[in-house]
Amino acid sequence: MQRGPAIPLFASASALEHKMFNMLHSIRLDYISCVLTSLGTILLGKRLWQGWVVAAVNSAVVCVIGVRTAQFGFVPANLLCIALYTSNLFHWRFKSQKQ
């Protein structure tokens, strides 16, 4: 079963862009954020620096969710979180290499 109109094999670039744009809007970012939040918490609980990277990606996802749902307060809050995660990542990563 196919969703929406079929795109011919030799479709125009704009038709392909439109289909890709629609596909990006169908991704459930709330579920992705849930998984990233859990994974980041687990990694940070194990004191792994990769947890900061996962947390920053999650904050970027939350920013996209905020823009999509017109809840713009999420954007500056999560941009601040990304800045803090980046700072923490550099302190954890480079401080542990010096010791």
Protein backbone atom coordinates (compact mmCIF):
# COMPACT_ATOMS: atom_id res chain seq x y z
CA MET A 1 0.00 0.00 0.00
CA GLN A 2 1.42 3.33 -1.02
CA ARG A 3 0.80 6.65 0.70
CA GLY A 4 0.07 9.70 -1.42
CA PRO A 5 0.57 10.06 -5.12
CA ALA A 6 3.19 7.92 -6.82
CA ILE A 7 6.22 9.71 -8.18
CA PRO A 8 7.32 8.51 -11.61
CA LEU A 9 10.81 7.14 -12.13
CA PHE A 10 11.94 10.28 -13.95
CA ALA A 11 10.27 12.82 -11.66
CA SER A 12 11.35 16.39 -11.51
CA ALA A 13 13.66 17.57 -8.76
CA SER A 14 10.92 19.70 -7.23
CA ALA A 15 8.61 16.68 -6.96
CA LEU A 16 11.34 14.72 -5.18
CA GLU A 17 12.04 17.64 -2.84
CA HIS A 18 8.33 17.89 -2.06
CA LYS A 19 8.12 14.18 -1.23
CA MET A 20 11.24 14.40 0.97
CA PHE A 21 9.85 17.47 2.73
CA ASN A 22 6.61 15.59 3.47
CA MET A 23 8.58 12.58 4.71
CA LEU A 24 10.57 14.78 7.12
CA HIS A 25 7.33 16.13 8.55
CA SER A 26 6.02 12.63 9.18
CA ILE A 27 8.94 11.68 11.45
CA ARG A 28 7.83 11.45 15.07
CA LEU A 29 10.38 13.70 16.72
CA ASP A 30 8.80 13.20 20.14
CA TYR A 31 9.75 9.51 20.07
CA ILE A 32 13.24 10.32 18.83
CA SER A 33 13.64 12.83 21.67
CA CYS A 34 12.43 10.24 24.17
CA VAL A 35 15.05 7.72 23.02
CA LEU A 36 17.80 10.36 22.95
CA THR A 37 16.91 11.57 26.45
CA SER A 38 17.11 8.03 27.83
CA LEU A 39 20.32 7.22 25.98
CA GLY A 40 22.00 10.48 27.01
CA THR A 41 21.05 9.94 30.65
CA ILE A 42 22.43 6.40 30.62
CA LEU A 43 25.68 7.49 28.99
CA LEU A 44 26.18 10.39 31.38
CA GLY A 45 25.36 8.13 34.32
CA LYS A 46 28.24 5.93 33.17
CA ARG A 47 30.43 9.05 32.97
CA LEU A 48 30.89 8.74 29.22
CA TRP A 49 31.51 11.99 27.33
CA GLN A 50 29.35 10.76 24.43
CA GLY A 51 26.33 11.47 26.64
CA TRP A 52 26.92 15.21 26.18
CA VAL A 53 26.85 14.76 22.40
CA VAL A 54 23.58 12.79 22.57
CA ALA A 55 22.09 15.41 24.90
CA ALA A 56 23.05 18.20 22.47
CA VAL A 57 21.46 16.36 19.55
CA ASN A 58 18.34 15.88 21.67
CA SER A 59 18.23 19.61 22.42
CA ALA A 60 18.42 20.32 18.70
CA VAL A 61 15.49 17.95 18.15
CA VAL A 62 13.52 19.75 20.87
CA CYS A 63 14.26 23.06 19.12
CA VAL A 64 12.76 21.66 15.91
CA ILE A 65 9.73 20.41 17.86
CA GLY A 66 9.33 23.88 19.39
CA VAL A 67 9.40 25.57 16.01
CA ARG A 68 7.00 23.06 14.44
CA THR A 69 4.47 23.47 17.24
CA ALA A 70 4.97 27.25 17.60
CA GLN A 71 6.20 26.82 21.17
CA PHE A 72 9.11 29.15 20.65
CA GLY A 73 10.16 29.19 24.30
CA PHE A 74 11.81 25.81 23.75
CA VAL A 75 14.27 27.28 21.26
CA PRO A 76 16.37 29.67 23.41
CA ALA A 77 16.24 27.31 26.39
CA ASN A 78 17.60 24.42 24.35
CA LEU A 79 20.17 26.59 22.58
CA LEU A 80 21.47 27.48 26.05
CA CYS A 81 21.52 23.77 26.91
CA ILE A 82 23.53 23.04 23.75
CA ALA A 83 26.06 25.70 24.79
CA LEU A 84 26.31 24.16 28.29
CA TYR A 85 26.66 20.64 26.87
CA THR A 86 29.43 21.84 24.56
CA SER A 87 31.26 23.46 27.47
CA ASN A 88 30.88 20.33 29.59
CA LEU A 89 32.04 18.15 26.72
CA PHE A 90 35.25 20.15 26.28
CA HIS A 91 35.92 20.19 30.02
CA TRP A 92 35.36 16.43 30.39
CA ARG A 93 37.16 15.44 27.23
CA PHE A 94 40.26 17.60 27.46
CA LYS A 95 40.61 17.66 31.25
CA SER A 96 40.68 13.85 31.36
CA GLN A 97 43.34 13.72 28.60
CA LYS A 98 45.65 16.04 30.59
CA GLN A 99 45.48 13.88 33.72
